[in-house]
Amino acid sequence: FPVNEVWYYASTKVEFLMTSVFPTFEQEYRP
């Protein structure tokens, strides 16, 4: 039952704020 994160699906309306504090979040935490 896969559901994508909000910022990824609705990128024009929602911003992924995490990377403004942890810039390498996608590279280090995503795995």
Full PDB file with SEQRES, HELIX, SHEET, SSBOND, CRYST1, ORIGX, SCALE, CONECT and MASTER records, all heavy atoms in Angstrom:
SEQRES   1 A   31  PHE PRO VAL ASN GLU VAL TRP TYR TYR ALA SER THR LYS          
SEQRES   2 A   31  VAL GLU PHE LEU MET THR SER VAL PHE PRO THR PHE GLU          
SEQRES   3 A   31  GLN GLU TYR ARG PRO                                          
HELIX    1 AA1 VAL A    6  TYR A    9  1                                   4    
HELIX    2 AA2 LEU A   17  SER A   20  5                                   4    
HELIX    3 AA3 PHE A   25  GLU A   28  1                                   4    
CRYST1    1.000    1.000    1.000  90.00  90.00  90.00 P 1           1          
ORIGX1      1.000000  0.000000  0.000000        0.00000                         
ORIGX2      0.000000  1.000000  0.000000        0.00000                         
ORIGX3      0.000000  0.000000  1.000000        0.00000                         
SCALE1      1.000000  0.000000  0.000000        0.00000                         
SCALE2      0.000000  1.000000  0.000000        0.00000                         
SCALE3      0.000000  0.000000  1.000000        0.00000                         
ATOM      1  N   PHE A   1       0.850  -1.190   0.000  1.00  0.00           N  
ATOM      2  CA  PHE A   1       0.000   0.000   0.000  1.00  0.00           C  
ATOM      3  C   PHE A   1       0.891   1.247   0.000  1.00  0.00           C  
ATOM      4  O   PHE A   1       0.869   2.048   0.928  1.00  0.00           O  
ATOM      5  CB  PHE A   1      -0.932  -0.001   1.220  1.00  0.00           C  
ATOM      6  CG  PHE A   1      -2.007   1.047   1.177  1.00  0.00           C  
ATOM      7  CD1 PHE A   1      -3.154   0.872   0.411  1.00  0.00           C  
ATOM      8  CD2 PHE A   1      -1.869   2.224   1.905  1.00  0.00           C  
ATOM      9  CE1 PHE A   1      -4.147   1.836   0.368  1.00  0.00           C  
ATOM     10  CE2 PHE A   1      -2.854   3.201   1.870  1.00  0.00           C  
ATOM     11  CZ  PHE A   1      -3.990   3.011   1.100  1.00  0.00           C  
ATOM     12  N   PRO A   2       1.722   1.406  -1.029  1.00  0.00           N  
ATOM     13  CA  PRO A   2       2.678   2.525  -1.055  1.00  0.00           C  
ATOM     14  C   PRO A   2       1.992   3.879  -1.252  1.00  0.00           C  
ATOM     15  O   PRO A   2       1.103   4.023  -2.087  1.00  0.00           O  
ATOM     16  CB  PRO A   2       3.577   2.194  -2.246  1.00  0.00           C  
ATOM     17  CG  PRO A   2       2.733   1.342  -3.128  1.00  0.00           C  
ATOM     18  CD  PRO A   2       1.847   0.545  -2.222  1.00  0.00           C  
ATOM     19  N   VAL A   3       2.411   4.832  -0.453  1.00  0.00           N  
ATOM     20  CA  VAL A   3       1.914   6.210  -0.546  1.00  0.00           C  
ATOM     21  C   VAL A   3       3.120   7.140  -0.489  1.00  0.00           C  
ATOM     22  O   VAL A   3       3.920   7.067   0.445  1.00  0.00           O  
ATOM     23  CB  VAL A   3       0.951   6.542   0.610  1.00  0.00           C  
ATOM     24  CG1 VAL A   3       0.506   8.005   0.532  1.00  0.00           C  
ATOM     25  CG2 VAL A   3      -0.271   5.615   0.589  1.00  0.00           C  
ATOM     26  N   ASN A   4       3.261   8.005  -1.475  1.00  0.00           N  
ATOM     27  CA  ASN A   4       4.402   8.921  -1.531  1.00  0.00           C  
ATOM     28  C   ASN A   4       4.256  10.067  -0.535  1.00  0.00           C  
ATOM     29  O   ASN A   4       3.143  10.453  -0.172  1.00  0.00           O  
ATOM     30  CB  ASN A   4       4.551   9.504  -2.941  1.00  0.00           C  
ATOM     31  CG  ASN A   4       5.101   8.492  -3.923  1.00  0.00           C  
ATOM     32  OD1 ASN A   4       6.103   7.828  -3.654  1.00  0.00           O  
ATOM     33  ND2 ASN A   4       4.433   8.345  -5.055  1.00  0.00           N  
ATOM     34  N   GLU A   5       5.396  10.605  -0.123  1.00  0.00           N  
ATOM     35  CA  GLU A   5       5.385  11.738   0.796  1.00  0.00           C  
ATOM     36  C   GLU A   5       4.729  12.948   0.136  1.00  0.00           C  
ATOM     37  O   GLU A   5       4.780  13.107  -1.088  1.00  0.00           O  
ATOM     38  CB  GLU A   5       6.809  12.055   1.240  1.00  0.00           C  
ATOM     39  CG  GLU A   5       7.421  10.930   2.085  1.00  0.00           C  
ATOM     40  CD  GLU A   5       8.831  11.223   2.542  1.00  0.00           C  
ATOM     41  OE1 GLU A   5       9.337  12.335   2.242  1.00  0.00           O  
ATOM     42  OE2 GLU A   5       9.436  10.358   3.201  1.00  0.00           O  
ATOM     43  N   VAL A   6       4.146  13.798   0.955  1.00  0.00           N  
ATOM     44  CA  VAL A   6       3.338  14.902   0.450  1.00  0.00           C  
ATOM     45  C   VAL A   6       4.143  15.829  -0.454  1.00  0.00           C  
ATOM     46  O   VAL A   6       3.700  16.196  -1.546  1.00  0.00           O  
ATOM     47  CB  VAL A   6       2.730  15.709   1.619  1.00  0.00           C  
ATOM     48  CG1 VAL A   6       1.834  16.820   1.082  1.00  0.00           C  
ATOM     49  CG2 VAL A   6       1.938  14.796   2.543  1.00  0.00           C  
ATOM     50  N   TRP A   7       5.312  16.237  -0.008  1.00  0.00           N  
ATOM     51  CA  TRP A   7       6.122  17.194  -0.772  1.00  0.00           C  
ATOM     52  C   TRP A   7       6.498  16.658  -2.152  1.00  0.00           C  
ATOM     53  O   TRP A   7       6.632  17.410  -3.111  1.00  0.00           O  
ATOM     54  CB  TRP A   7       7.400  17.553  -0.008  1.00  0.00           C  
ATOM     55  CG  TRP A   7       8.369  16.406   0.120  1.00  0.00           C  
ATOM     56  CD1 TRP A   7       8.414  15.469   1.093  1.00  0.00           C  
ATOM     57  CD2 TRP A   7       9.425  16.076  -0.787  1.00  0.00           C  
ATOM     58  NE1 TRP A   7       9.423  14.560   0.866  1.00  0.00           N  
ATOM     59  CE2 TRP A   7      10.065  14.917  -0.285  1.00  0.00           C  
ATOM     60  CE3 TRP A   7       9.903  16.647  -1.974  1.00  0.00           C  
ATOM     61  CZ2 TRP A   7      11.143  14.321  -0.915  1.00  0.00           C  
ATOM     62  CZ3 TRP A   7      10.976  16.044  -2.606  1.00  0.00           C  
ATOM     63  CH2 TRP A   7      11.595  14.907  -2.075  1.00  0.00           C  
ATOM     64  N   TYR A   8       6.640  15.333  -2.248  1.00  0.00           N  
ATOM     65  CA  TYR A   8       7.027  14.709  -3.515  1.00  0.00           C  
ATOM     66  C   TYR A   8       5.847  14.685  -4.487  1.00  0.00           C  
ATOM     67  O   TYR A   8       6.017  14.905  -5.684  1.00  0.00           O  
ATOM     68  CB  TYR A   8       7.529  13.295  -3.241  1.00  0.00           C  
ATOM     69  CG  TYR A   8       8.033  12.565  -4.463  1.00  0.00           C  
ATOM     70  CD1 TYR A   8       9.301  12.830  -4.960  1.00  0.00           C  
ATOM     71  CD2 TYR A   8       7.249  11.609  -5.098  1.00  0.00           C  
ATOM     72  CE1 TYR A   8       9.775  12.160  -6.077  1.00  0.00           C  
ATOM     73  CE2 TYR A   8       7.711  10.938  -6.218  1.00  0.00           C  
ATOM     74  CZ  TYR A   8       8.973  11.219  -6.701  1.00  0.00           C  
ATOM     75  OH  TYR A   8       9.446  10.560  -7.813  1.00  0.00           O  
ATOM     76  N   TYR A   9       4.648  14.444  -3.947  1.00  0.00           N  
ATOM     77  CA  TYR A   9       3.468  14.360  -4.805  1.00  0.00           C  
ATOM     78  C   TYR A   9       2.915  15.743  -5.144  1.00  0.00           C  
ATOM     79  O   TYR A   9       2.530  16.000  -6.285  1.00  0.00           O  
ATOM     80  CB  TYR A   9       2.384  13.530  -4.105  1.00  0.00           C  
ATOM     81  CG  TYR A   9       1.118  13.382  -4.911  1.00  0.00           C  
ATOM     82  CD1 TYR A   9       1.027  12.423  -5.923  1.00  0.00           C  
ATOM     83  CD2 TYR A   9       0.013  14.196  -4.664  1.00  0.00           C  
ATOM     84  CE1 TYR A   9      -0.131  12.285  -6.671  1.00  0.00           C  
ATOM     85  CE2 TYR A   9      -1.148  14.060  -5.407  1.00  0.00           C  
ATOM     86  CZ  TYR A   9      -1.221  13.107  -6.401  1.00  0.00           C  
ATOM     87  OH  TYR A   9      -2.370  12.977  -7.147  1.00  0.00           O  
ATOM     88  N   ALA A  10       2.877  16.617  -4.140  1.00  0.00           N  
ATOM     89  CA  ALA A  10       2.307  17.955  -4.352  1.00  0.00           C  
ATOM     90  C   ALA A  10       3.401  19.004  -4.225  1.00  0.00           C  
ATOM     91  O   ALA A  10       3.328  19.931  -3.412  1.00  0.00           O  
ATOM     92  CB  ALA A  10       1.190  18.218  -3.338  1.00  0.00           C  
ATOM     93  N   SER A  11       4.434  18.885  -5.042  1.00  0.00           N  
ATOM     94  CA  SER A  11       5.617  19.747  -4.931  1.00  0.00           C  
ATOM     95  C   SER A  11       5.326  21.215  -5.244  1.00  0.00           C  
ATOM     96  O   SER A  11       6.071  22.104  -4.823  1.00  0.00           O  
ATOM     97  CB  SER A  11       6.724  19.235  -5.854  1.00  0.00           C  
ATOM     98  OG  SER A  11       6.265  19.180  -7.198  1.00  0.00           O  
ATOM     99  N   THR A  12       4.259  21.488  -5.963  1.00  0.00           N  
ATOM    100  CA  THR A  12       3.930  22.880  -6.291  1.00  0.00           C  
ATOM    101  C   THR A  12       3.233  23.587  -5.134  1.00  0.00           C  
ATOM    102  O   THR A  12       3.157  24.814  -5.119  1.00  0.00           O  
ATOM    103  CB  THR A  12       3.019  22.935  -7.528  1.00  0.00           C  
ATOM    104  OG1 THR A  12       1.817  22.191  -7.266  1.00  0.00           O  
ATOM    105  CG2 THR A  12       3.727  22.350  -8.731  1.00  0.00           C  
ATOM    106  N   LYS A  13       2.740  22.813  -4.167  1.00  0.00           N  
ATOM    107  CA  LYS A  13       2.011  23.393  -3.042  1.00  0.00           C  
ATOM    108  C   LYS A  13       2.706  23.206  -1.701  1.00  0.00           C  
ATOM    109  O   LYS A  13       2.515  23.990  -0.778  1.00  0.00           O  
ATOM    110  CB  LYS A  13       0.606  22.777  -2.964  1.00  0.00           C  
ATOM    111  CG  LYS A  13      -0.253  23.025  -4.190  1.00  0.00           C  
ATOM    112  CD  LYS A  13      -1.614  22.363  -4.044  1.00  0.00           C  
ATOM    113  CE  LYS A  13      -2.480  22.618  -5.280  1.00  0.00           C  
ATOM    114  NZ  LYS A  13      -3.824  21.978  -5.146  1.00  0.00           N  
ATOM    115  N   VAL A  14       3.482  22.156  -1.594  1.00  0.00           N  
ATOM    116  CA  VAL A  14       4.127  21.817  -0.324  1.00  0.00           C  
ATOM    117  C   VAL A  14       5.638  21.737  -0.527  1.00  0.00           C  
ATOM    118  O   VAL A  14       6.114  21.093  -1.466  1.00  0.00           O  
ATOM    119  CB  VAL A  14       3.612  20.473   0.224  1.00  0.00           C  
ATOM    120  CG1 VAL A  14       4.340  20.101   1.511  1.00  0.00           C  
ATOM    121  CG2 VAL A  14       2.107  20.535   0.469  1.00  0.00           C  
ATOM    122  N   GLU A  15       6.373  22.375   0.365  1.00  0.00           N  
ATOM    123  CA  GLU A  15       7.835  22.367   0.283  1.00  0.00           C  
ATOM    124  C   GLU A  15       8.411  21.398   1.313  1.00  0.00           C  
ATOM    125  O   GLU A  15       7.889  21.280   2.424  1.00  0.00           O  
ATOM    126  CB  GLU A  15       8.368  23.775   0.549  1.00  0.00           C  
ATOM    127  CG  GLU A  15       9.876  23.899   0.411  1.00  0.00           C  
ATOM    128  CD  GLU A  15      10.361  25.310   0.681  1.00  0.00           C  
ATOM    129  OE1 GLU A  15       9.516  26.234   0.742  1.00  0.00           O  
ATOM    130  OE2 GLU A  15      11.587  25.489   0.848  1.00  0.00           O  
ATOM    131  N   PHE A  16       9.469  20.719   0.941  1.00  0.00           N  
ATOM    132  CA  PHE A  16      10.153  19.822   1.870  1.00  0.00           C  
ATOM    133  C   PHE A  16      11.128  20.647   2.704  1.00  0.00           C  
ATOM    134  O   PHE A  16      12.248  20.926   2.283  1.00  0.00           O  
ATOM    135  CB  PHE A  16      10.887  18.728   1.094  1.00  0.00           C  
ATOM    136  CG  PHE A  16      11.474  17.656   1.965  1.00  0.00           C  
ATOM    137  CD1 PHE A  16      10.781  17.150   3.045  1.00  0.00           C  
ATOM    138  CD2 PHE A  16      12.732  17.139   1.677  1.00  0.00           C  
ATOM    139  CE1 PHE A  16      11.320  16.151   3.842  1.00  0.00           C  
ATOM    140  CE2 PHE A  16      13.280  16.142   2.460  1.00  0.00           C  
ATOM    141  CZ  PHE A  16      12.579  15.646   3.542  1.00  0.00           C  
ATOM    142  N   LEU A  17      10.693  21.044   3.882  1.00  0.00           N  
ATOM    143  CA  LEU A  17      11.454  21.997   4.696  1.00  0.00           C  
ATOM    144  C   LEU A  17      12.664  21.371   5.384  1.00  0.00           C  
ATOM    145  O   LEU A  17      13.555  22.089   5.849  1.00  0.00           O  
ATOM    146  CB  LEU A  17      10.538  22.634   5.743  1.00  0.00           C  
ATOM    147  CG  LEU A  17       9.343  23.425   5.205  1.00  0.00           C  
ATOM    148  CD1 LEU A  17       8.509  23.973   6.366  1.00  0.00           C  
ATOM    149  CD2 LEU A  17       9.820  24.557   4.307  1.00  0.00           C  
ATOM    150  N   MET A  18      12.690  20.049   5.474  1.00  0.00           N  
ATOM    151  CA  MET A  18      13.759  19.380   6.202  1.00  0.00           C  
ATOM    152  C   MET A  18      15.143  19.744   5.671  1.00  0.00           C  
ATOM    153  O   MET A  18      16.101  19.918   6.440  1.00  0.00           O  
ATOM    154  CB  MET A  18      13.561  17.863   6.110  1.00  0.00           C  
ATOM    155  CG  MET A  18      14.594  17.049   6.850  1.00  0.00           C  
ATOM    156  SD  MET A  18      14.384  17.130   8.635  1.00  0.00           S  
ATOM    157  CE  MET A  18      12.870  16.165   8.790  1.00  0.00           C  
ATOM    158  N   THR A  19      15.278  19.858   4.369  1.00  0.00           N  
ATOM    159  CA  THR A  19      16.596  20.075   3.779  1.00  0.00           C  
ATOM    160  C   THR A  19      17.168  21.460   4.082  1.00  0.00           C  
ATOM    161  O   THR A  19      18.361  21.684   3.892  1.00  0.00           O  
ATOM    162  CB  THR A  19      16.542  19.874   2.258  1.00  0.00           C  
ATOM    163  OG1 THR A  19      15.495  20.683   1.701  1.00  0.00           O  
ATOM    164  CG2 THR A  19      16.279  18.422   1.921  1.00  0.00           C  
ATOM    165  N   SER A  20      16.334  22.378   4.546  1.00  0.00           N  
ATOM    166  CA  SER A  20      16.854  23.695   4.917  1.00  0.00           C  
ATOM    167  C   SER A  20      17.613  23.641   6.239  1.00  0.00           C  
ATOM    168  O   SER A  20      18.427  24.513   6.537  1.00  0.00           O  
ATOM    169  CB  SER A  20      15.708  24.708   5.022  1.00  0.00           C  
ATOM    170  OG  SER A  20      14.821  24.363   6.065  1.00  0.00           O  
ATOM    171  N   VAL A  21      17.372  22.590   7.025  1.00  0.00           N  
ATOM    172  CA  VAL A  21      18.069  22.394   8.302  1.00  0.00           C  
ATOM    173  C   VAL A  21      19.119  21.295   8.174  1.00  0.00           C  
ATOM    174  O   VAL A  21      20.233  21.421   8.678  1.00  0.00           O  
ATOM    175  CB  VAL A  21      17.066  22.040   9.425  1.00  0.00           C  
ATOM    176  CG1 VAL A  21      17.794  21.815  10.750  1.00  0.00           C  
ATOM    177  CG2 VAL A  21      16.018  23.140   9.567  1.00  0.00           C  
ATOM    178  N   PHE A  22      18.744  20.207   7.508  1.00  0.00           N  
ATOM    179  CA  PHE A  22      19.669  19.097   7.255  1.00  0.00           C  
ATOM    180  C   PHE A  22      19.821  18.953   5.736  1.00  0.00           C  
ATOM    181  O   PHE A  22      19.092  18.167   5.103  1.00  0.00           O  
ATOM    182  CB  PHE A  22      19.139  17.797   7.866  1.00  0.00           C  
ATOM    183  CG  PHE A  22      19.041  17.816   9.367  1.00  0.00           C  
ATOM    184  CD1 PHE A  22      17.809  17.938   9.999  1.00  0.00           C  
ATOM    185  CD2 PHE A  22      20.183  17.716  10.149  1.00  0.00           C  
ATOM    186  CE1 PHE A  22      17.712  17.961  11.377  1.00  0.00           C  
ATOM    187  CE2 PHE A  22      20.107  17.740  11.531  1.00  0.00           C  
ATOM    188  CZ  PHE A  22      18.865  17.862  12.153  1.00  0.00           C  
ATOM    189  N   PRO A  23      20.742  19.683   5.130  1.00  0.00           N  
ATOM    190  CA  PRO A  23      20.892  19.706   3.659  1.00  0.00           C  
ATOM    191  C   PRO A  23      21.154  18.341   3.036  1.00  0.00           C  
ATOM    192  O   PRO A  23      20.781  18.104   1.885  1.00  0.00           O  
ATOM    193  CB  PRO A  23      22.077  20.654   3.445  1.00  0.00           C  
ATOM    194  CG  PRO A  23      22.128  21.490   4.677  1.00  0.00           C  
ATOM    195  CD  PRO A  23      21.684  20.593   5.791  1.00  0.00           C  
ATOM    196  N   THR A  24      21.801  17.437   3.773  1.00  0.00           N  
ATOM    197  CA  THR A  24      22.148  16.126   3.206  1.00  0.00           C  
ATOM    198  C   THR A  24      21.135  15.052   3.619  1.00  0.00           C  
ATOM    199  O   THR A  24      21.422  13.858   3.551  1.00  0.00           O  
ATOM    200  CB  THR A  24      23.555  15.701   3.669  1.00  0.00           C  
ATOM    201  OG1 THR A  24      23.584  15.635   5.112  1.00  0.00           O  
ATOM    202  CG2 THR A  24      24.601  16.687   3.188  1.00  0.00           C  
ATOM    203  N   PHE A  25      19.965  15.477   4.041  1.00  0.00           N  
ATOM    204  CA  PHE A  25      18.948  14.529   4.529  1.00  0.00           C  
ATOM    205  C   PHE A  25      18.624  13.456   3.497  1.00  0.00           C  
ATOM    206  O   PHE A  25      18.573  12.269   3.810  1.00  0.00           O  
ATOM    207  CB  PHE A  25      17.671  15.292   4.909  1.00  0.00           C  
ATOM    208  CG  PHE A  25      16.572  14.420   5.439  1.00  0.00           C  
ATOM    209  CD1 PHE A  25      16.500  14.133   6.792  1.00  0.00           C  
ATOM    210  CD2 PHE A  25      15.606  13.892   4.592  1.00  0.00           C  
ATOM    211  CE1 PHE A  25      15.480  13.322   7.294  1.00  0.00           C  
ATOM    212  CE2 PHE A  25      14.587  13.090   5.075  1.00  0.00           C  
ATOM    213  CZ  PHE A  25      14.526  12.809   6.430  1.00  0.00           C  
ATOM    214  N   GLU A  26      18.407  13.867   2.251  1.00  0.00           N  
ATOM    215  CA  GLU A  26      18.015  12.913   1.216  1.00  0.00           C  
ATOM    216  C   GLU A  26      19.118  11.896   0.931  1.00  0.00           C  
ATOM    217  O   GLU A  26      18.834  10.727   0.654  1.00  0.00           O  
ATOM    218  CB  GLU A  26      17.643  13.653  -0.071  1.00  0.00           C  
ATOM    219  CG  GLU A  26      16.276  14.287  -0.044  1.00  0.00           C  
ATOM    220  CD  GLU A  26      15.176  13.255   0.135  1.00  0.00           C  
ATOM    221  OE1 GLU A  26      14.907  12.492  -0.801  1.00  0.00           O  
ATOM    222  OE2 GLU A  26      14.590  13.196   1.229  1.00  0.00           O  
ATOM    223  N   GLN A  27      20.355  12.297   1.020  1.00  0.00           N  
ATOM    224  CA  GLN A  27      21.458  11.389   0.739  1.00  0.00           C  
ATOM    225  C   GLN A  27      21.743  10.450   1.914  1.00  0.00           C  
ATOM    226  O   GLN A  27      22.089   9.284   1.717  1.00  0.00           O  
ATOM    227  CB  GLN A  27      22.739  12.183   0.410  1.00  0.00           C  
ATOM    228  CG  GLN A  27      22.704  12.952  -0.897  1.00  0.00           C  
ATOM    229  CD  GLN A  27      21.846  14.203  -0.828  1.00  0.00           C  
ATOM    230  OE1 GLN A  27      21.753  14.840   0.233  1.00  0.00           O  
ATOM    231  NE2 GLN A  27      21.211  14.557  -1.934  1.00  0.00           N  
ATOM    232  N   GLU A  28      21.578  10.939   3.140  1.00  0.00           N  
ATOM    233  CA  GLU A  28      21.980  10.159   4.309  1.00  0.00           C  
ATOM    234  C   GLU A  28      20.815   9.432   4.984  1.00  0.00           C  
ATOM    235  O   GLU A  28      20.994   8.333   5.510  1.00  0.00           O  
ATOM    236  CB  GLU A  28      22.670  11.082   5.322  1.00  0.00           C  
ATOM    237  CG  GLU A  28      23.967  11.680   4.798  1.00  0.00           C  
ATOM    238  CD  GLU A  28      24.646  12.570   5.811  1.00  0.00           C  
ATOM    239  OE1 GLU A  28      23.997  12.902   6.822  1.00  0.00           O  
ATOM    240  OE2 GLU A  28      25.816  12.939   5.603  1.00  0.00           O  
ATOM    241  N   TYR A  29      19.647  10.048   5.004  1.00  0.00           N  
ATOM    242  CA  TYR A  29      18.515   9.467   5.726  1.00  0.00           C  
ATOM    243  C   TYR A  29      17.614   8.629   4.825  1.00  0.00           C  
ATOM    244  O   TYR A  29      17.019   7.654   5.277  1.00  0.00           O  
ATOM    245  CB  TYR A  29      17.697  10.593   6.372  1.00  0.00           C  
ATOM    246  CG  TYR A  29      16.638  10.120   7.348  1.00  0.00           C  
ATOM    247  CD1 TYR A  29      16.961   9.874   8.678  1.00  0.00           C  
ATOM    248  CD2 TYR A  29      15.321   9.928   6.943  1.00  0.00           C  
ATOM    249  CE1 TYR A  29      16.007   9.458   9.587  1.00  0.00           C  
ATOM    250  CE2 TYR A  29      14.355   9.503   7.840  1.00  0.00           C  
ATOM    251  CZ  TYR A  29      14.704   9.274   9.150  1.00  0.00           C  
ATOM    252  OH  TYR A  29      13.743   8.847  10.041  1.00  0.00           O  
ATOM    253  N   ARG A  30      17.528   8.994   3.555  1.00  0.00           N  
ATOM    254  CA  ARG A  30      16.605   8.313   2.645  1.00  0.00           C  
ATOM    255  C   ARG A  30      16.847   6.812   2.526  1.00  0.00           C  
ATOM    256  O   ARG A  30      15.897   6.035   2.413  1.00  0.00           O  
ATOM    257  CB  ARG A  30      16.662   8.981   1.262  1.00  0.00           C  
ATOM    258  CG  ARG A  30      15.652   8.429   0.284  1.00  0.00           C  
ATOM    259  CD  ARG A  30      14.239   8.559   0.829  1.00  0.00           C  
ATOM    260  NE  ARG A  30      13.841   9.942   1.037  1.00  0.00           N  
ATOM    261  CZ  ARG A  30      12.767  10.297   1.728  1.00  0.00           C  
ATOM    262  NH1 ARG A  30      11.991   9.380   2.277  1.00  0.00           N  
ATOM    263  NH2 ARG A  30      12.464  11.575   1.874  1.00  0.00           N  
ATOM    264  N   PRO A  31      18.117   6.345   2.556  1.00  0.00           N  
ATOM    265  CA  PRO A  31      18.324   4.893   2.480  1.00  0.00           C  
ATOM    266  C   PRO A  31      17.692   4.126   3.646  1.00  0.00           C  
ATOM    267  O   PRO A  31      17.534   2.907   3.568  1.00  0.00           O  
ATOM    268  CB  PRO A  31      19.864   4.767   2.518  1.00  0.00           C  
ATOM    269  CG  PRO A  31      20.345   6.052   1.936  1.00  0.00           C  
ATOM    270  CD  PRO A  31      19.390   7.079   2.453  1.00  0.00           C  
TER     271      PRO A  31                                                      
MASTER        0    0    0    3    0    0    0    6  270    1    0    3          
END                                                                             
